[in-house]
Amino acid sequence: MTTTRTYHGRCHCGDVRFTITCDEITTGCRCNCSICRRKSTIMSSRYFLPEELVLERRESLTRYQFGDHLVNHYFCGRCGISTFHDATEKPGHYRVNLGCVDEVEPLELELTMIDGRSW
């Protein structure tokens, strides 16, 4: 049985903060595309719907795009931490950097690999 709960996320300095209300987070994913490989983040296994993720503070939120510009990579312009990203075809549906979520230990999750390099 899954349990719905609220998670709290933030960048390192706290200028970007968000909450996620969802089923318990038990898995994560890694991607081998050029940016994800360099960031070495563990991301949420799924994209969160706009009603599940609430941006509480976005003071230094900055966006980066590269290549085909199909993904918006968001990070804190002050401390540089990558917080989440969305695909331009579904704005507001976010995949979250689980290292930013206070109640999750990303290295203890079951991880799946995504072959982003082949897209």
PDB file of N, CA and C in Angstrom:
ATOM      1  N   MET A   1       0.840  -1.188   0.000  1.00  0.00           N
ATOM      2  CA  MET A   1       0.000   0.000   0.000  1.00  0.00           C
ATOM      3  C   MET A   1       0.881   1.245   0.000  1.00  0.00           C
ATOM      4  N   THR A   2       0.566   2.202  -0.859  1.00  0.00           N
ATOM      5  CA  THR A   2       1.337   3.443  -0.909  1.00  0.00           C
ATOM      6  C   THR A   2       0.741   4.470   0.049  1.00  0.00           C
ATOM      7  N   THR A   3       1.583   5.365   0.483  1.00  0.00           N
ATOM      8  CA  THR A   3       1.181   6.398   1.426  1.00  0.00           C
ATOM      9  C   THR A   3       1.428   7.762   0.814  1.00  0.00           C
ATOM     10  N   THR A   4       0.388   8.598   0.774  1.00  0.00           N
ATOM     11  CA  THR A   4       0.558   9.959   0.280  1.00  0.00           C
ATOM     12  C   THR A   4       1.133  10.815   1.400  1.00  0.00           C
ATOM     13  N   ARG A   5       2.137  11.604   1.039  1.00  0.00           N
ATOM     14  CA  ARG A   5       2.750  12.493   2.026  1.00  0.00           C
ATOM     15  C   ARG A   5       3.279  13.742   1.345  1.00  0.00           C
ATOM     16  N   THR A   6       3.709  14.691   2.133  1.00  0.00           N
ATOM     17  CA  THR A   6       4.282  15.935   1.612  1.00  0.00           C
ATOM     18  C   THR A   6       5.775  15.930   1.893  1.00  0.00           C
ATOM     19  N   TYR A   7       6.543  16.196   0.836  1.00  0.00           N
ATOM     20  CA  TYR A   7       7.997  16.289   0.926  1.00  0.00           C
ATOM     21  C   TYR A   7       8.399  17.742   0.748  1.00  0.00           C
ATOM     22  N   HIS A   8       9.519  18.116   1.356  1.00  0.00           N
ATOM     23  CA  HIS A   8      10.035  19.479   1.261  1.00  0.00           C
ATOM     24  C   HIS A   8      11.383  19.460   0.549  1.00  0.00           C
ATOM     25  N   GLY A   9      11.520  20.308  -0.457  1.00  0.00           N
ATOM     26  CA  GLY A   9      12.758  20.357  -1.215  1.00  0.00           C
ATOM     27  C   GLY A   9      13.312  21.764  -1.290  1.00  0.00           C
ATOM     28  N   ARG A  10      14.619  21.839  -1.485  1.00  0.00           N
ATOM     29  CA  ARG A  10      15.260  23.147  -1.595  1.00  0.00           C
ATOM     30  C   ARG A  10      16.646  23.000  -2.189  1.00  0.00           C
ATOM     31  N   CYS A  11      17.145  24.100  -2.705  1.00  0.00           N
ATOM     32  CA  CYS A  11      18.538  24.148  -3.136  1.00  0.00           C
ATOM     33  C   CYS A  11      19.410  24.267  -1.884  1.00  0.00           C
ATOM     34  N   HIS A  12      20.704  24.408  -2.032  1.00  0.00           N
ATOM     35  CA  HIS A  12      21.606  24.468  -0.884  1.00  0.00           C
ATOM     36  C   HIS A  12      21.400  25.730  -0.052  1.00  0.00           C
ATOM     37  N   CYS A  13      21.259  26.874  -0.703  1.00  0.00           N
ATOM     38  CA  CYS A  13      21.134  28.145   0.030  1.00  0.00           C
ATOM     39  C   CYS A  13      19.701  28.461   0.450  1.00  0.00           C
ATOM     40  N   GLY A  14      18.719  27.777  -0.108  1.00  0.00           N
ATOM     41  CA  GLY A  14      17.326  27.992   0.266  1.00  0.00           C
ATOM     42  C   GLY A  14      16.581  29.010  -0.578  1.00  0.00           C
ATOM     43  N   ASP A  15      17.236  29.606  -1.576  1.00  0.00           N
ATOM     44  CA  ASP A  15      16.554  30.579  -2.437  1.00  0.00           C
ATOM     45  C   ASP A  15      15.492  29.928  -3.322  1.00  0.00           C
ATOM     46  N   VAL A  16      15.617  28.625  -3.580  1.00  0.00           N
ATOM     47  CA  VAL A  16      14.608  27.871  -4.328  1.00  0.00           C
ATOM     48  C   VAL A  16      14.065  26.799  -3.389  1.00  0.00           C
ATOM     49  N   ARG A  17      12.738  26.840  -3.149  1.00  0.00           N
ATOM     50  CA  ARG A  17      12.087  25.875  -2.252  1.00  0.00           C
ATOM     51  C   ARG A  17      10.812  25.377  -2.906  1.00  0.00           C
ATOM     52  N   PHE A  18      10.488  24.120  -2.638  1.00  0.00           N
ATOM     53  CA  PHE A  18       9.269  23.542  -3.187  1.00  0.00           C
ATOM     54  C   PHE A  18       8.754  22.455  -2.258  1.00  0.00           C
ATOM     55  N   THR A  19       7.486  22.097  -2.427  1.00  0.00           N
ATOM     56  CA  THR A  19       6.910  20.943  -1.751  1.00  0.00           C
ATOM     57  C   THR A  19       6.327  20.016  -2.813  1.00  0.00           C
ATOM     58  N   ILE A  20       6.335  18.735  -2.498  1.00  0.00           N
ATOM     59  CA  ILE A  20       5.747  17.724  -3.361  1.00  0.00           C
ATOM     60  C   ILE A  20       4.761  16.935  -2.511  1.00  0.00           C
ATOM     61  N   THR A  21       3.536  16.785  -2.996  1.00  0.00           N
ATOM     62  CA  THR A  21       2.560  15.924  -2.351  1.00  0.00           C
ATOM     63  C   THR A  21       2.303  14.765  -3.294  1.00  0.00           C
ATOM     64  N   CYS A  22       2.679  13.561  -2.849  1.00  0.00           N
ATOM     65  CA  CYS A  22       2.620  12.395  -3.735  1.00  0.00           C
ATOM     66  C   CYS A  22       2.677  11.121  -2.905  1.00  0.00           C
ATOM     67  N   ASP A  23       2.590   9.997  -3.604  1.00  0.00           N
ATOM     68  CA  ASP A  23       2.816   8.715  -2.948  1.00  0.00           C
ATOM     69  C   ASP A  23       4.256   8.677  -2.449  1.00  0.00           C
ATOM     70  N   GLU A  24       4.528   7.801  -1.524  1.00  0.00           N
ATOM     71  CA  GLU A  24       5.875   7.683  -0.970  1.00  0.00           C
ATOM     72  C   GLU A  24       6.902   7.474  -2.085  1.00  0.00           C
ATOM     73  N   ILE A  25       8.004   8.203  -2.005  1.00  0.00           N
ATOM     74  CA  ILE A  25       9.080   8.097  -2.995  1.00  0.00           C
ATOM     75  C   ILE A  25       9.975   6.923  -2.596  1.00  0.00           C
ATOM     76  N   THR A  26       9.988   5.893  -3.445  1.00  0.00           N
ATOM     77  CA  THR A  26      10.772   4.693  -3.139  1.00  0.00           C
ATOM     78  C   THR A  26      11.788   4.359  -4.232  1.00  0.00           C
ATOM     79  N   THR A  27      11.731   5.090  -5.361  1.00  0.00           N
ATOM     80  CA  THR A  27      12.645   4.825  -6.475  1.00  0.00           C
ATOM     81  C   THR A  27      13.179   6.138  -7.023  1.00  0.00           C
ATOM     82  N   GLY A  28      14.249   6.043  -7.768  1.00  0.00           N
ATOM     83  CA  GLY A  28      14.829   7.197  -8.448  1.00  0.00           C
ATOM     84  C   GLY A  28      15.404   6.750  -9.776  1.00  0.00           C
ATOM     85  N   CYS A  29      15.992   7.688 -10.512  1.00  0.00           N
ATOM     86  CA  CYS A  29      16.606   7.316 -11.789  1.00  0.00           C
ATOM     87  C   CYS A  29      17.842   8.159 -12.043  1.00  0.00           C
ATOM     88  N   ARG A  30      18.693   7.606 -12.877  1.00  0.00           N
ATOM     89  CA  ARG A  30      19.893   8.293 -13.361  1.00  0.00           C
ATOM     90  C   ARG A  30      19.786   8.324 -14.867  1.00  0.00           C
ATOM     91  N   CYS A  31      20.314   9.371 -15.479  1.00  0.00           N
ATOM     92  CA  CYS A  31      20.277   9.536 -16.924  1.00  0.00           C
ATOM     93  C   CYS A  31      21.714   9.680 -17.428  1.00  0.00           C
ATOM     94  N   ASN A  32      21.959   9.175 -18.638  1.00  0.00           N
ATOM     95  CA  ASN A  32      23.311   9.236 -19.187  1.00  0.00           C
ATOM     96  C   ASN A  32      23.485  10.317 -20.251  1.00  0.00           C
ATOM     97  N   CYS A  33      22.530  11.256 -20.351  1.00  0.00           N
ATOM     98  CA  CYS A  33      22.732  12.363 -21.303  1.00  0.00           C
ATOM     99  C   CYS A  33      23.890  13.230 -20.808  1.00  0.00           C
ATOM    100  N   SER A  34      24.365  14.115 -21.647  1.00  0.00           N
ATOM    101  CA  SER A  34      25.574  14.875 -21.310  1.00  0.00           C
ATOM    102  C   SER A  34      25.429  15.727 -20.055  1.00  0.00           C
ATOM    103  N   ILE A  35      24.292  16.366 -19.847  1.00  0.00           N
ATOM    104  CA  ILE A  35      24.156  17.229 -18.662  1.00  0.00           C
ATOM    105  C   ILE A  35      23.917  16.408 -17.398  1.00  0.00           C
ATOM    106  N   CYS A  36      23.071  15.395 -17.477  1.00  0.00           N
ATOM    107  CA  CYS A  36      22.800  14.579 -16.288  1.00  0.00           C
ATOM    108  C   CYS A  36      24.043  13.819 -15.845  1.00  0.00           C
ATOM    109  N   ARG A  37      24.812  13.335 -16.794  1.00  0.00           N
ATOM    110  CA  ARG A  37      26.043  12.626 -16.450  1.00  0.00           C
ATOM    111  C   ARG A  37      26.992  13.561 -15.694  1.00  0.00           C
ATOM    112  N   ARG A  38      27.101  14.798 -16.143  1.00  0.00           N
ATOM    113  CA  ARG A  38      28.006  15.754 -15.489  1.00  0.00           C
ATOM    114  C   ARG A  38      27.475  16.218 -14.133  1.00  0.00           C
ATOM    115  N   LYS A  39      26.150  16.364 -14.012  1.00  0.00           N
ATOM    116  CA  LYS A  39      25.564  16.765 -12.731  1.00  0.00           C
ATOM    117  C   LYS A  39      25.550  15.618 -11.736  1.00  0.00           C
ATOM    118  N   SER A  40      25.474  14.385 -12.250  1.00  0.00           N
ATOM    119  CA  SER A  40      25.451  13.176 -11.426  1.00  0.00           C
ATOM    120  C   SER A  40      24.322  13.188 -10.399  1.00  0.00           C
ATOM    121  N   THR A  41      23.172  13.678 -10.815  1.00  0.00           N
ATOM    122  CA  THR A  41      22.030  13.733  -9.908  1.00  0.00           C
ATOM    123  C   THR A  41      21.218  12.449  -9.964  1.00  0.00           C
ATOM    124  N   ILE A  42      20.478  12.212  -8.901  1.00  0.00           N
ATOM    125  CA  ILE A  42      19.474  11.153  -8.865  1.00  0.00           C
ATOM    126  C   ILE A  42      18.129  11.867  -8.925  1.00  0.00           C
ATOM    127  N   MET A  43      17.397  11.603 -10.003  1.00  0.00           N
ATOM    128  CA  MET A  43      16.140  12.299 -10.248  1.00  0.00           C
ATOM    129  C   MET A  43      14.960  11.412  -9.850  1.00  0.00           C
ATOM    130  N   SER A  44      13.792  12.055  -9.695  1.00  0.00           N
ATOM    131  CA  SER A  44      12.573  11.296  -9.431  1.00  0.00           C
ATOM    132  C   SER A  44      12.289  10.384 -10.618  1.00  0.00           C
ATOM    133  N   SER A  45      11.702   9.247 -10.343  1.00  0.00           N
ATOM    134  CA  SER A  45      11.403   8.284 -11.400  1.00  0.00           C
ATOM    135  C   SER A  45      10.320   8.773 -12.343  1.00  0.00           C
ATOM    136  N   ARG A  46       9.507   9.668 -11.881  1.00  0.00           N
ATOM    137  CA  ARG A  46       8.414  10.168 -12.708  1.00  0.00           C
ATOM    138  C   ARG A  46       8.364  11.685 -12.657  1.00  0.00           C
ATOM    139  N   TYR A  47       7.633  12.246 -13.595  1.00  0.00           N
ATOM    140  CA  TYR A  47       7.362  13.678 -13.582  1.00  0.00           C
ATOM    141  C   TYR A  47       6.192  13.937 -12.646  1.00  0.00           C
ATOM    142  N   PHE A  48       6.320  14.957 -11.802  1.00  0.00           N
ATOM    143  CA  PHE A  48       5.237  15.336 -10.911  1.00  0.00           C
ATOM    144  C   PHE A  48       4.292  16.284 -11.633  1.00  0.00           C
ATOM    145  N   LEU A  49       3.006  16.085 -11.438  1.00  0.00           N
ATOM    146  CA  LEU A  49       1.981  16.921 -12.046  1.00  0.00           C
ATOM    147  C   LEU A  49       2.016  18.317 -11.429  1.00  0.00           C
ATOM    148  N   PRO A  50       1.515  19.321 -12.161  1.00  0.00           N
ATOM    149  CA  PRO A  50       1.534  20.688 -11.621  1.00  0.00           C
ATOM    150  C   PRO A  50       0.881  20.820 -10.238  1.00  0.00           C
ATOM    151  N   GLU A  51      -0.155  20.046  -9.970  1.00  0.00           N
ATOM    152  CA  GLU A  51      -0.808  20.145  -8.664  1.00  0.00           C
ATOM    153  C   GLU A  51      -0.044  19.402  -7.562  1.00  0.00           C
ATOM    154  N   GLU A  52       0.939  18.581  -7.923  1.00  0.00           N
ATOM    155  CA  GLU A  52       1.717  17.847  -6.934  1.00  0.00           C
ATOM    156  C   GLU A  52       2.945  18.615  -6.458  1.00  0.00           C
ATOM    157  N   LEU A  53       3.489  19.483  -7.302  1.00  0.00           N
ATOM    158  CA  LEU A  53       4.694  20.227  -6.951  1.00  0.00           C
ATOM    159  C   LEU A  53       4.365  21.714  -6.865  1.00  0.00           C
ATOM    160  N   VAL A  54       4.622  22.287  -5.714  1.00  0.00           N
ATOM    161  CA  VAL A  54       4.343  23.708  -5.498  1.00  0.00           C
ATOM    162  C   VAL A  54       5.672  24.429  -5.257  1.00  0.00           C
ATOM    163  N   LEU A  55       5.957  25.427  -6.088  1.00  0.00           N
ATOM    164  CA  LEU A  55       7.159  26.246  -5.887  1.00  0.00           C
ATOM    165  C   LEU A  55       6.852  27.258  -4.790  1.00  0.00           C
ATOM    166  N   GLU A  56       7.511  27.117  -3.663  1.00  0.00           N
ATOM    167  CA  GLU A  56       7.268  27.984  -2.514  1.00  0.00           C
ATOM    168  C   GLU A  56       8.133  29.238  -2.563  1.00  0.00           C
ATOM    169  N   ARG A  57       9.324  29.079  -3.109  1.00  0.00           N
ATOM    170  CA  ARG A  57      10.250  30.209  -3.228  1.00  0.00           C
ATOM    171  C   ARG A  57      11.075  30.013  -4.489  1.00  0.00           C
ATOM    172  N   ARG A  58      11.146  31.036  -5.296  1.00  0.00           N
ATOM    173  CA  ARG A  58      11.886  30.934  -6.561  1.00  0.00           C
ATOM    174  C   ARG A  58      12.788  32.131  -6.785  1.00  0.00           C
ATOM    175  N   GLU A  59      13.271  32.693  -5.691  1.00  0.00           N
ATOM    176  CA  GLU A  59      14.042  33.929  -5.722  1.00  0.00           C
ATOM    177  C   GLU A  59      15.192  33.906  -6.730  1.00  0.00           C
ATOM    178  N   SER A  60      15.967  32.835  -6.756  1.00  0.00           N
ATOM    179  CA  SER A  60      17.133  32.768  -7.644  1.00  0.00           C
ATOM    180  C   SER A  60      16.987  31.681  -8.707  1.00  0.00           C
ATOM    181  N   LEU A  61      15.749  31.267  -8.985  1.00  0.00           N
ATOM    182  CA  LEU A  61      15.529  30.191  -9.954  1.00  0.00           C
ATOM    183  C   LEU A  61      15.979  30.626 -11.346  1.00  0.00           C
ATOM    184  N   THR A  62      16.810  29.818 -11.963  1.00  0.00           N
ATOM    185  CA  THR A  62      17.387  30.114 -13.268  1.00  0.00           C
ATOM    186  C   THR A  62      17.161  28.904 -14.173  1.00  0.00           C
ATOM    187  N   ARG A  63      17.010  29.155 -15.462  1.00  0.00           N
ATOM    188  CA  ARG A  63      16.757  28.087 -16.429  1.00  0.00           C
ATOM    189  C   ARG A  63      17.926  27.952 -17.390  1.00  0.00           C
ATOM    190  N   TYR A  64      18.242  26.710 -17.736  1.00  0.00           N
ATOM    191  CA  TYR A  64      19.282  26.423 -18.715  1.00  0.00           C
ATOM    192  C   TYR A  64      18.722  25.451 -19.749  1.00  0.00           C
ATOM    193  N   GLN A  65      18.979  25.731 -21.010  1.00  0.00           N
ATOM    194  CA  GLN A  65      18.627  24.825 -22.100  1.00  0.00           C
ATOM    195  C   GLN A  65      19.868  24.591 -22.947  1.00  0.00           C
ATOM    196  N   PHE A  66      19.933  23.429 -23.581  1.00  0.00           N
ATOM    197  CA  PHE A  66      21.045  23.156 -24.489  1.00  0.00           C
ATOM    198  C   PHE A  66      20.547  22.257 -25.605  1.00  0.00           C
ATOM    199  N   GLY A  67      21.350  22.054 -26.601  1.00  0.00           N
ATOM    200  CA  GLY A  67      21.022  21.131 -27.697  1.00  0.00           C
ATOM    201  C   GLY A  67      19.726  21.497 -28.394  1.00  0.00           C
ATOM    202  N   ASP A  68      18.770  20.590 -28.341  1.00  0.00           N
ATOM    203  CA  ASP A  68      17.496  20.780 -29.051  1.00  0.00           C
ATOM    204  C   ASP A  68      16.500  21.648 -28.275  1.00  0.00           C
ATOM    205  N   HIS A  69      16.855  22.117 -27.095  1.00  0.00           N
ATOM    206  CA  HIS A  69      16.015  22.991 -26.265  1.00  0.00           C
ATOM    207  C   HIS A  69      14.680  22.345 -25.880  1.00  0.00           C
ATOM    208  N   LEU A  70      14.640  21.031 -25.740  1.00  0.00           N
ATOM    209  CA  LEU A  70      13.410  20.334 -25.391  1.00  0.00           C
ATOM    210  C   LEU A  70      13.193  20.195 -23.887  1.00  0.00           C
ATOM    211  N   VAL A  71      14.250  20.474 -23.102  1.00  0.00           N
ATOM    212  CA  VAL A  71      14.140  20.354 -21.652  1.00  0.00           C
ATOM    213  C   VAL A  71      14.595  21.655 -21.006  1.00  0.00           C
ATOM    214  N   ASN A  72      13.817  22.108 -20.021  1.00  0.00           N
ATOM    215  CA  ASN A  72      14.186  23.256 -19.206  1.00  0.00           C
ATOM    216  C   ASN A  72      14.830  22.721 -17.931  1.00  0.00           C
ATOM    217  N   HIS A  73      16.115  22.982 -17.761  1.00  0.00           N
ATOM    218  CA  HIS A  73      16.834  22.559 -16.567  1.00  0.00           C
ATOM    219  C   HIS A  73      16.863  23.752 -15.613  1.00  0.00           C
ATOM    220  N   TYR A  74      16.242  23.608 -14.447  1.00  0.00           N
ATOM    221  CA  TYR A  74      16.169  24.703 -13.484  1.00  0.00           C
ATOM    222  C   TYR A  74      17.181  24.495 -12.370  1.00  0.00           C
ATOM    223  N   PHE A  75      17.813  25.590 -11.970  1.00  0.00           N
ATOM    224  CA  PHE A  75      18.797  25.531 -10.900  1.00  0.00           C
ATOM    225  C   PHE A  75      18.804  26.868 -10.172  1.00  0.00           C
ATOM    226  N   CYS A  76      19.449  26.905  -9.024  1.00  0.00           N
ATOM    227  CA  CYS A  76      19.564  28.136  -8.249  1.00  0.00           C
ATOM    228  C   CYS A  76      20.739  28.943  -8.785  1.00  0.00           C
ATOM    229  N   GLY A  77      20.482  30.180  -9.171  1.00  0.00           N
ATOM    230  CA  GLY A  77      21.531  31.050  -9.681  1.00  0.00           C
ATOM    231  C   GLY A  77      22.489  31.521  -8.604  1.00  0.00           C
ATOM    232  N   ARG A  78      22.137  31.333  -7.351  1.00  0.00           N
ATOM    233  CA  ARG A  78      23.012  31.755  -6.253  1.00  0.00           C
ATOM    234  C   ARG A  78      23.977  30.643  -5.845  1.00  0.00           C
ATOM    235  N   CYS A  79      23.446  29.435  -5.549  1.00  0.00           N
ATOM    236  CA  CYS A  79      24.329  28.354  -5.080  1.00  0.00           C
ATOM    237  C   CYS A  79      24.640  27.322  -6.167  1.00  0.00           C
ATOM    238  N   GLY A  80      23.919  27.349  -7.290  1.00  0.00           N
ATOM    239  CA  GLY A  80      24.211  26.487  -8.427  1.00  0.00           C
ATOM    240  C   GLY A  80      23.587  25.106  -8.399  1.00  0.00           C
ATOM    241  N   ILE A  81      22.800  24.792  -7.378  1.00  0.00           N
ATOM    242  CA  ILE A  81      22.219  23.455  -7.266  1.00  0.00           C
ATOM    243  C   ILE A  81      21.074  23.271  -8.259  1.00  0.00           C
ATOM    244  N   SER A  82      21.126  22.168  -8.996  1.00  0.00           N
ATOM    245  CA  SER A  82      20.068  21.786  -9.926  1.00  0.00           C
ATOM    246  C   SER A  82      18.909  21.223  -9.117  1.00  0.00           C
ATOM    247  N   THR A  83      17.717  21.813  -9.257  1.00  0.00           N
ATOM    248  CA  THR A  83      16.591  21.419  -8.416  1.00  0.00           C
ATOM    249  C   THR A  83      15.576  20.532  -9.134  1.00  0.00           C
ATOM    250  N   PHE A  84      15.271  20.830 -10.392  1.00  0.00           N
ATOM    251  CA  PHE A  84      14.296  20.046 -11.145  1.00  0.00           C
ATOM    252  C   PHE A  84      14.375  20.420 -12.611  1.00  0.00           C
ATOM    253  N   HIS A  85      13.650  19.676 -13.453  1.00  0.00           N
ATOM    254  CA  HIS A  85      13.556  20.024 -14.866  1.00  0.00           C
ATOM    255  C   HIS A  85      12.186  19.619 -15.395  1.00  0.00           C
ATOM    256  N   ASP A  86      11.803  20.246 -16.491  1.00  0.00           N
ATOM    257  CA  ASP A  86      10.572  19.850 -17.172  1.00  0.00           C
ATOM    258  C   ASP A  86      10.832  19.800 -18.667  1.00  0.00           C
ATOM    259  N   ALA A  87       9.976  19.067 -19.357  1.00  0.00           N
ATOM    260  CA  ALA A  87      10.072  18.980 -20.810  1.00  0.00           C
ATOM    261  C   ALA A  87       9.217  20.081 -21.410  1.00  0.00           C
ATOM    262  N   THR A  88       9.695  20.728 -22.451  1.00  0.00           N
ATOM    263  CA  THR A  88       8.964  21.863 -23.037  1.00  0.00           C
ATOM    264  C   THR A  88       7.603  21.440 -23.567  1.00  0.00           C
ATOM    265  N   GLU A  89       7.426  20.156 -23.915  1.00  0.00           N
ATOM    266  CA  GLU A  89       6.121  19.714 -24.409  1.00  0.00           C
ATOM    267  C   GLU A  89       5.099  19.571 -23.278  1.00  0.00           C
ATOM    268  N   LYS A  90       5.560  19.528 -22.011  1.00  0.00           N
ATOM    269  CA  LYS A  90       4.667  19.433 -20.851  1.00  0.00           C
ATOM    270  C   LYS A  90       5.158  20.376 -19.756  1.00  0.00           C
ATOM    271  N   PRO A  91       5.100  21.674 -19.992  1.00  0.00           N
ATOM    272  CA  PRO A  91       5.587  22.617 -18.972  1.00  0.00           C
ATOM    273  C   PRO A  91       4.861  22.407 -17.638  1.00  0.00           C
ATOM    274  N   GLY A  92       5.609  22.530 -16.569  1.00  0.00           N
ATOM    275  CA  GLY A  92       5.019  22.389 -15.243  1.00  0.00           C
ATOM    276  C   GLY A  92       4.962  20.964 -14.737  1.00  0.00           C
ATOM    277  N   HIS A  93       5.326  19.980 -15.554  1.00  0.00           N
ATOM    278  CA  HIS A  93       5.433  18.586 -15.120  1.00  0.00           C
ATOM    279  C   HIS A  93       6.916  18.351 -14.823  1.00  0.00           C
ATOM    280  N   TYR A  94       7.261  18.307 -13.547  1.00  0.00           N
ATOM    281  CA  TYR A  94       8.659  18.334 -13.145  1.00  0.00           C
ATOM    282  C   TYR A  94       9.198  16.977 -12.708  1.00  0.00           C
ATOM    283  N   ARG A  95      10.442  16.701 -13.106  1.00  0.00           N
ATOM    284  CA  ARG A  95      11.227  15.598 -12.551  1.00  0.00           C
ATOM    285  C   ARG A  95      12.188  16.287 -11.573  1.00  0.00           C
ATOM    286  N   VAL A  96      12.233  15.827 -10.329  1.00  0.00           N
ATOM    287  CA  VAL A  96      12.909  16.521  -9.238  1.00  0.00           C
ATOM    288  C   VAL A  96      14.239  15.854  -8.891  1.00  0.00           C
ATOM    289  N   ASN A  97      15.240  16.682  -8.579  1.00  0.00           N
ATOM    290  CA  ASN A  97      16.512  16.190  -8.055  1.00  0.00           C
ATOM    291  C   ASN A  97      16.251  15.718  -6.622  1.00  0.00           C
ATOM    292  N   LEU A  98      16.274  14.411  -6.404  1.00  0.00           N
ATOM    293  CA  LEU A  98      15.946  13.867  -5.082  1.00  0.00           C
ATOM    294  C   LEU A  98      16.972  14.220  -4.028  1.00  0.00           C
ATOM    295  N   GLY A  99      18.152  14.660  -4.419  1.00  0.00           N
ATOM    296  CA  GLY A  99      19.136  15.149  -3.465  1.00  0.00           C
ATOM    297  C   GLY A  99      18.711  16.452  -2.807  1.00  0.00           C
ATOM    298  N   CYS A 100      17.724  17.115  -3.379  1.00  0.00           N
ATOM    299  CA  CYS A 100      17.196  18.366  -2.814  1.00  0.00           C
ATOM    300  C   CYS A 100      16.015  18.129  -1.876  1.00  0.00           C
ATOM    301  N   VAL A 101      15.529  16.913  -1.792  1.00  0.00           N
ATOM    302  CA  VAL A 101      14.349  16.597  -0.987  1.00  0.00           C
ATOM    303  C   VAL A 101      14.804  16.155   0.403  1.00  0.00           C
ATOM    304  N   ASP A 102      14.389  16.925   1.415  1.00  0.00           N
ATOM    305  CA  ASP A 102      14.867  16.700   2.782  1.00  0.00           C
ATOM    306  C   ASP A 102      14.555  15.307   3.317  1.00  0.00           C
ATOM    307  N   GLU A 103      13.398  14.771   3.013  1.00  0.00           N
ATOM    308  CA  GLU A 103      12.955  13.512   3.608  1.00  0.00           C
ATOM    309  C   GLU A 103      13.383  12.259   2.831  1.00  0.00           C
ATOM    310  N   VAL A 104      14.213  12.417   1.816  1.00  0.00           N
ATOM    311  CA  VAL A 104      14.625  11.288   0.976  1.00  0.00           C
ATOM    312  C   VAL A 104      16.139  11.131   1.021  1.00  0.00           C
ATOM    313  N   GLU A 105      16.590   9.885   1.130  1.00  0.00           N
ATOM    314  CA  GLU A 105      18.017   9.566   1.008  1.00  0.00           C
ATOM    315  C   GLU A 105      18.200   8.899  -0.350  1.00  0.00           C
ATOM    316  N   PRO A 106      18.572   9.679  -1.383  1.00  0.00           N
ATOM    317  CA  PRO A 106      18.579   9.148  -2.746  1.00  0.00           C
ATOM    318  C   PRO A 106      19.467   7.937  -2.964  1.00  0.00           C
ATOM    319  N   LEU A 107      20.571   7.822  -2.255  1.00  0.00           N
ATOM    320  CA  LEU A 107      21.480   6.697  -2.453  1.00  0.00           C
ATOM    321  C   LEU A 107      20.926   5.388  -1.896  1.00  0.00           C
ATOM    322  N   GLU A 108      19.828   5.448  -1.148  1.00  0.00           N
ATOM    323  CA  GLU A 108      19.206   4.242  -0.610  1.00  0.00           C
ATOM    324  C   GLU A 108      18.037   3.755  -1.462  1.00  0.00           C
ATOM    325  N   LEU A 109      17.700   4.480  -2.532  1.00  0.00           N
ATOM    326  CA  LEU A 109      16.564   4.128  -3.383  1.00  0.00           C
ATOM    327  C   LEU A 109      16.966   3.116  -4.454  1.00  0.00           C
ATOM    328  N   GLU A 110      15.986   2.383  -4.935  1.00  0.00           N
ATOM    329  CA  GLU A 110      16.183   1.541  -6.114  1.00  0.00           C
ATOM    330  C   GLU A 110      16.270   2.474  -7.316  1.00  0.00           C
ATOM    331  N   LEU A 111      17.359   2.370  -8.097  1.00  0.00           N
ATOM    332  CA  LEU A 111      17.591   3.294  -9.206  1.00  0.00           C
ATOM    333  C   LEU A 111      17.449   2.596 -10.552  1.00  0.00           C
ATOM    334  N   THR A 112      16.875   3.328 -11.513  1.00  0.00           N
ATOM    335  CA  THR A 112      16.740   2.876 -12.896  1.00  0.00           C
ATOM    336  C   THR A 112      17.559   3.806 -13.768  1.00  0.00           C
ATOM    337  N   MET A 113      18.165   3.254 -14.803  1.00  0.00           N
ATOM    338  CA  MET A 113      18.917   4.064 -15.766  1.00  0.00           C
ATOM    339  C   MET A 113      18.016   4.485 -16.927  1.00  0.00           C
ATOM    340  N   ILE A 114      18.149   5.752 -17.358  1.00  0.00           N
ATOM    341  CA  ILE A 114      17.458   6.281 -18.529  1.00  0.00           C
ATOM    342  C   ILE A 114      18.510   6.561 -19.591  1.00  0.00           C
ATOM    343  N   ASP A 115      18.259   6.108 -20.795  1.00  0.00           N
ATOM    344  CA  ASP A 115      19.205   6.313 -21.890  1.00  0.00           C
ATOM    345  C   ASP A 115      18.911   7.635 -22.612  1.00  0.00           C
ATOM    346  N   GLY A 116      19.176   8.732 -21.930  1.00  0.00           N
ATOM    347  CA  GLY A 116      18.965  10.058 -22.518  1.00  0.00           C
ATOM    348  C   GLY A 116      19.960  10.400 -23.614  1.00  0.00           C
ATOM    349  N   ARG A 117      21.089   9.756 -23.616  1.00  0.00           N
ATOM    350  CA  ARG A 117      22.110   9.993 -24.632  1.00  0.00           C
ATOM    351  C   ARG A 117      21.581   9.639 -26.031  1.00  0.00           C
ATOM    352  N   SER A 118      20.669   8.687 -26.121  1.00  0.00           N
ATOM    353  CA  SER A 118      20.150   8.223 -27.405  1.00  0.00           C
ATOM    354  C   SER A 118      18.970   9.050 -27.928  1.00  0.00           C
ATOM    355  N   TRP A 119      18.492  10.028 -27.172  1.00  0.00           N
ATOM    356  CA  TRP A 119      17.329  10.807 -27.627  1.00  0.00           C
ATOM    357  C   TRP A 119      17.707  11.797 -28.673  1.00  0.00           C
TER     358      TRP A 119
END
